[in-house]
Amino acid sequence: MRTLLLAVGGLALVATGSSYIIGALLPVRHEVALRTVLDAPPQHVLELISEAPMHSGWRSEVSGDKPPLEAASAIARERLVTRIIDDDLPFGGTWTFVVEPSGAGTRLTITERGEVYHPVIRALHHVIHDPEEMIRTYLRTLKRQLSGVEEPALELR
């Protein structure tokens, strides 16, 4: 039994140490941006994305604890930057929304600039978190809210 406990403890130590080393080699910061065109005027898009933090009224994929957000800056009718305001979290960053007219609709670009501070968390984040997928999900949900279509096609540019 003692041998088994030592083996399990040793394995946990090696896994944690390896995660630390891998995380230390990964960059603290990452940036990813996606763009799509929405069939709604820019003002309507801005109203939706400027709602209360995390847009709980229309984002069904948002549940559980959410990091506290604030609007860090805004340029009327063009741009909104939100940022995580809890300095005790092992991560932080911003989402920048750029809204531009595109024909009768709106071209929306979302850029995530994130940071993961602790090396072990950074290694896990690299494996299980896909910032592009988070933005894709956000855009798909926004498009569903604007169009009323349950599974709207999402064309990214």
C-alpha atoms as a PDB file:
ATOM      1  CA  MET A   1       0.000   0.000   0.000  1.00  0.00           C
ATOM      2  CA  ARG A   2       2.835   2.357   0.852  1.00  0.00           C
ATOM      3  CA  THR A   3       4.444   1.696  -2.528  1.00  0.00           C
ATOM      4  CA  LEU A   4       1.181   2.517  -4.275  1.00  0.00           C
ATOM      5  CA  LEU A   5       0.856   5.793  -2.360  1.00  0.00           C
ATOM      6  CA  LEU A   6       4.443   6.724  -3.174  1.00  0.00           C
ATOM      7  CA  ALA A   7       3.892   5.894  -6.837  1.00  0.00           C
ATOM      8  CA  VAL A   8       0.702   7.977  -7.031  1.00  0.00           C
ATOM      9  CA  GLY A   9       2.352  10.848  -5.133  1.00  0.00           C
ATOM     10  CA  GLY A  10       5.406  10.689  -7.401  1.00  0.00           C
ATOM     11  CA  LEU A  11       3.229  10.660 -10.506  1.00  0.00           C
ATOM     12  CA  ALA A  12       1.274  13.704  -9.251  1.00  0.00           C
ATOM     13  CA  LEU A  13       4.541  15.516  -8.532  1.00  0.00           C
ATOM     14  CA  VAL A  14       5.911  14.748 -12.006  1.00  0.00           C
ATOM     15  CA  ALA A  15       2.633  15.852 -13.659  1.00  0.00           C
ATOM     16  CA  THR A  16       2.568  19.126 -11.720  1.00  0.00           C
ATOM     17  CA  GLY A  17       6.252  19.786 -12.360  1.00  0.00           C
ATOM     18  CA  SER A  18       5.860  19.050 -16.059  1.00  0.00           C
ATOM     19  CA  SER A  19       2.830  21.333 -16.261  1.00  0.00           C
ATOM     20  CA  TYR A  20       4.794  24.077 -14.549  1.00  0.00           C
ATOM     21  CA  ILE A  21       7.714  23.760 -16.974  1.00  0.00           C
ATOM     22  CA  ILE A  22       5.456  23.624 -20.043  1.00  0.00           C
ATOM     23  CA  GLY A  23       3.424  26.608 -18.775  1.00  0.00           C
ATOM     24  CA  ALA A  24       6.585  28.590 -18.088  1.00  0.00           C
ATOM     25  CA  LEU A  25       7.608  28.105 -21.723  1.00  0.00           C
ATOM     26  CA  LEU A  26       4.254  29.337 -23.058  1.00  0.00           C
ATOM     27  CA  PRO A  27       3.616  33.070 -23.501  1.00  0.00           C
ATOM     28  CA  VAL A  28       1.647  34.820 -20.748  1.00  0.00           C
ATOM     29  CA  ARG A  29      -0.327  36.836 -23.324  1.00  0.00           C
ATOM     30  CA  HIS A  30      -2.405  35.718 -26.268  1.00  0.00           C
ATOM     31  CA  GLU A  31      -4.426  37.574 -28.883  1.00  0.00           C
ATOM     32  CA  VAL A  32      -7.075  36.278 -31.244  1.00  0.00           C
ATOM     33  CA  ALA A  33      -9.577  38.126 -33.438  1.00  0.00           C
ATOM     34  CA  LEU A  34     -12.568  37.039 -35.510  1.00  0.00           C
ATOM     35  CA  ARG A  35     -14.851  39.071 -37.753  1.00  0.00           C
ATOM     36  CA  THR A  36     -18.290  38.492 -39.237  1.00  0.00           C
ATOM     37  CA  VAL A  37     -21.045  40.492 -40.923  1.00  0.00           C
ATOM     38  CA  LEU A  38     -24.410  40.685 -39.168  1.00  0.00           C
ATOM     39  CA  ASP A  39     -27.790  41.481 -40.725  1.00  0.00           C
ATOM     40  CA  ALA A  40     -28.571  44.352 -38.369  1.00  0.00           C
ATOM     41  CA  PRO A  41     -27.708  48.049 -38.248  1.00  0.00           C
ATOM     42  CA  PRO A  42     -24.625  49.029 -36.220  1.00  0.00           C
ATOM     43  CA  GLN A  43     -26.662  50.865 -33.565  1.00  0.00           C
ATOM     44  CA  HIS A  44     -28.722  47.737 -32.799  1.00  0.00           C
ATOM     45  CA  VAL A  45     -25.583  45.587 -32.572  1.00  0.00           C
ATOM     46  CA  LEU A  46     -23.982  48.131 -30.219  1.00  0.00           C
ATOM     47  CA  GLU A  47     -27.075  48.139 -28.005  1.00  0.00           C
ATOM     48  CA  LEU A  48     -26.892  44.363 -27.615  1.00  0.00           C
ATOM     49  CA  ILE A  49     -23.166  44.114 -26.961  1.00  0.00           C
ATOM     50  CA  SER A  50     -23.318  47.059 -24.535  1.00  0.00           C
ATOM     51  CA  GLU A  51     -25.896  45.357 -22.274  1.00  0.00           C
ATOM     52  CA  ALA A  52     -25.108  44.271 -18.723  1.00  0.00           C
ATOM     53  CA  PRO A  53     -21.941  42.218 -18.207  1.00  0.00           C
ATOM     54  CA  MET A  54     -21.904  38.867 -19.988  1.00  0.00           C
ATOM     55  CA  HIS A  55     -25.232  39.665 -21.685  1.00  0.00           C
ATOM     56  CA  SER A  56     -27.109  37.239 -19.452  1.00  0.00           C
ATOM     57  CA  GLY A  57     -30.419  38.225 -21.034  1.00  0.00           C
ATOM     58  CA  TRP A  58     -29.564  36.590 -24.370  1.00  0.00           C
ATOM     59  CA  ARG A  59     -26.469  34.433 -23.889  1.00  0.00           C
ATOM     60  CA  SER A  60     -27.784  31.028 -22.846  1.00  0.00           C
ATOM     61  CA  GLU A  61     -24.265  29.520 -22.876  1.00  0.00           C
ATOM     62  CA  VAL A  62     -23.276  31.767 -19.955  1.00  0.00           C
ATOM     63  CA  SER A  63     -23.902  30.052 -16.644  1.00  0.00           C
ATOM     64  CA  GLY A  64     -22.293  29.673 -13.252  1.00  0.00           C
ATOM     65  CA  ASP A  65     -19.677  32.044 -11.941  1.00  0.00           C
ATOM     66  CA  LYS A  66     -18.645  34.701 -14.408  1.00  0.00           C
ATOM     67  CA  PRO A  67     -15.591  36.907 -14.061  1.00  0.00           C
ATOM     68  CA  PRO A  68     -16.581  40.473 -13.192  1.00  0.00           C
ATOM     69  CA  LEU A  69     -16.353  42.718 -16.239  1.00  0.00           C
ATOM     70  CA  GLU A  70     -16.403  46.426 -16.819  1.00  0.00           C
ATOM     71  CA  ALA A  71     -16.513  48.610 -19.885  1.00  0.00           C
ATOM     72  CA  ALA A  72     -12.914  49.825 -19.962  1.00  0.00           C
ATOM     73  CA  SER A  73     -13.485  52.261 -22.805  1.00  0.00           C
ATOM     74  CA  ALA A  74     -15.986  53.062 -25.496  1.00  0.00           C
ATOM     75  CA  ILE A  75     -16.088  55.165 -28.612  1.00  0.00           C
ATOM     76  CA  ALA A  76     -19.708  55.915 -29.439  1.00  0.00           C
ATOM     77  CA  ARG A  77     -21.057  53.887 -32.362  1.00  0.00           C
ATOM     78  CA  GLU A  78     -17.647  52.347 -33.134  1.00  0.00           C
ATOM     79  CA  ARG A  79     -15.878  50.461 -30.401  1.00  0.00           C
ATOM     80  CA  LEU A  80     -16.328  48.937 -26.941  1.00  0.00           C
ATOM     81  CA  VAL A  81     -13.613  47.415 -24.751  1.00  0.00           C
ATOM     82  CA  THR A  82     -14.545  45.208 -21.796  1.00  0.00           C
ATOM     83  CA  ARG A  83     -12.044  43.933 -19.284  1.00  0.00           C
ATOM     84  CA  ILE A  84     -11.944  41.518 -16.361  1.00  0.00           C
ATOM     85  CA  ILE A  85     -11.688  43.571 -13.172  1.00  0.00           C
ATOM     86  CA  ASP A  86     -10.880  40.884 -10.567  1.00  0.00           C
ATOM     87  CA  ASP A  87      -7.126  41.054  -9.909  1.00  0.00           C
ATOM     88  CA  ASP A  88      -7.283  37.882  -7.779  1.00  0.00           C
ATOM     89  CA  LEU A  89      -8.063  35.631 -10.758  1.00  0.00           C
ATOM     90  CA  PRO A  90      -5.226  33.632 -12.408  1.00  0.00           C
ATOM     91  CA  PHE A  91      -6.158  35.236 -15.733  1.00  0.00           C
ATOM     92  CA  GLY A  92      -7.220  38.582 -17.106  1.00  0.00           C
ATOM     93  CA  GLY A  93      -7.682  40.482 -20.291  1.00  0.00           C
ATOM     94  CA  THR A  94      -9.976  42.390 -22.586  1.00  0.00           C
ATOM     95  CA  TRP A  95     -12.436  41.873 -25.399  1.00  0.00           C
ATOM     96  CA  THR A  96     -12.512  44.676 -27.964  1.00  0.00           C
ATOM     97  CA  PHE A  97     -15.630  44.998 -30.132  1.00  0.00           C
ATOM     98  CA  VAL A  98     -15.240  47.077 -33.306  1.00  0.00           C
ATOM     99  CA  VAL A  99     -18.507  47.871 -35.085  1.00  0.00           C
ATOM    100  CA  GLU A 100     -18.433  49.082 -38.699  1.00  0.00           C
ATOM    101  CA  PRO A 101     -21.221  49.606 -41.231  1.00  0.00           C
ATOM    102  CA  SER A 102     -21.255  46.998 -44.002  1.00  0.00           C
ATOM    103  CA  GLY A 103     -23.953  47.577 -46.603  1.00  0.00           C
ATOM    104  CA  ALA A 104     -27.282  47.332 -44.760  1.00  0.00           C
ATOM    105  CA  GLY A 105     -25.634  45.379 -41.930  1.00  0.00           C
ATOM    106  CA  THR A 106     -22.691  45.516 -39.557  1.00  0.00           C
ATOM    107  CA  ARG A 107     -19.184  44.129 -39.667  1.00  0.00           C
ATOM    108  CA  LEU A 108     -18.260  43.133 -36.108  1.00  0.00           C
ATOM    109  CA  THR A 109     -14.684  42.302 -35.103  1.00  0.00           C
ATOM    110  CA  ILE A 110     -14.013  40.864 -31.664  1.00  0.00           C
ATOM    111  CA  THR A 111     -10.435  40.731 -30.392  1.00  0.00           C
ATOM    112  CA  GLU A 112      -9.503  38.881 -27.213  1.00  0.00           C
ATOM    113  CA  ARG A 113      -6.287  39.998 -25.555  1.00  0.00           C
ATOM    114  CA  GLY A 114      -5.807  37.647 -22.653  1.00  0.00           C
ATOM    115  CA  GLU A 115      -3.220  36.850 -20.038  1.00  0.00           C
ATOM    116  CA  VAL A 116      -2.779  33.714 -17.923  1.00  0.00           C
ATOM    117  CA  TYR A 117      -0.426  34.423 -15.062  1.00  0.00           C
ATOM    118  CA  HIS A 118       0.418  31.125 -13.311  1.00  0.00           C
ATOM    119  CA  PRO A 119       2.443  28.611 -15.375  1.00  0.00           C
ATOM    120  CA  VAL A 120       0.410  25.525 -14.343  1.00  0.00           C
ATOM    121  CA  ILE A 121      -2.878  27.293 -15.127  1.00  0.00           C
ATOM    122  CA  ARG A 122      -1.341  28.523 -18.398  1.00  0.00           C
ATOM    123  CA  ALA A 123      -0.465  24.931 -19.421  1.00  0.00           C
ATOM    124  CA  LEU A 124      -3.998  23.723 -18.626  1.00  0.00           C
ATOM    125  CA  HIS A 125      -5.497  26.773 -20.349  1.00  0.00           C
ATOM    126  CA  HIS A 126      -3.489  25.990 -23.484  1.00  0.00           C
ATOM    127  CA  VAL A 127      -4.927  22.455 -23.584  1.00  0.00           C
ATOM    128  CA  ILE A 128      -8.582  23.043 -22.643  1.00  0.00           C
ATOM    129  CA  HIS A 129      -9.364  26.657 -23.629  1.00  0.00           C
ATOM    130  CA  ASP A 130      -9.846  27.784 -27.206  1.00  0.00           C
ATOM    131  CA  PRO A 131     -10.282  31.574 -27.320  1.00  0.00           C
ATOM    132  CA  GLU A 132     -11.393  31.379 -30.953  1.00  0.00           C
ATOM    133  CA  GLU A 133     -14.194  28.997 -29.979  1.00  0.00           C
ATOM    134  CA  MET A 134     -15.349  31.381 -27.242  1.00  0.00           C
ATOM    135  CA  ILE A 135     -15.584  34.211 -29.783  1.00  0.00           C
ATOM    136  CA  ARG A 136     -17.286  31.906 -32.333  1.00  0.00           C
ATOM    137  CA  THR A 137     -19.874  30.928 -29.718  1.00  0.00           C
ATOM    138  CA  TYR A 138     -20.436  34.576 -28.814  1.00  0.00           C
ATOM    139  CA  LEU A 139     -20.895  35.566 -32.483  1.00  0.00           C
ATOM    140  CA  ARG A 140     -23.212  32.609 -33.166  1.00  0.00           C
ATOM    141  CA  THR A 141     -25.343  33.516 -30.132  1.00  0.00           C
ATOM    142  CA  LEU A 142     -25.414  37.187 -31.123  1.00  0.00           C
ATOM    143  CA  LYS A 143     -26.445  36.231 -34.650  1.00  0.00           C
ATOM    144  CA  ARG A 144     -29.204  33.976 -33.240  1.00  0.00           C
ATOM    145  CA  GLN A 145     -30.452  36.869 -31.077  1.00  0.00           C
ATOM    146  CA  LEU A 146     -30.494  39.227 -34.070  1.00  0.00           C
ATOM    147  CA  SER A 147     -32.028  36.819 -36.598  1.00  0.00           C
ATOM    148  CA  GLY A 148     -34.303  34.626 -34.494  1.00  0.00           C
ATOM    149  CA  VAL A 149     -32.861  31.580 -36.308  1.00  0.00           C
ATOM    150  CA  GLU A 150     -31.952  28.790 -33.843  1.00  0.00           C
ATOM    151  CA  GLU A 151     -28.754  27.672 -35.622  1.00  0.00           C
ATOM    152  CA  PRO A 152     -27.667  30.560 -37.834  1.00  0.00           C
ATOM    153  CA  ALA A 153     -24.839  30.062 -40.313  1.00  0.00           C
ATOM    154  CA  LEU A 154     -21.734  31.887 -39.167  1.00  0.00           C
ATOM    155  CA  GLU A 155     -19.382  33.115 -41.856  1.00  0.00           C
ATOM    156  CA  LEU A 156     -16.122  34.353 -40.410  1.00  0.00           C
ATOM    157  CA  ARG A 157     -13.744  36.615 -42.270  1.00  0.00           C
END
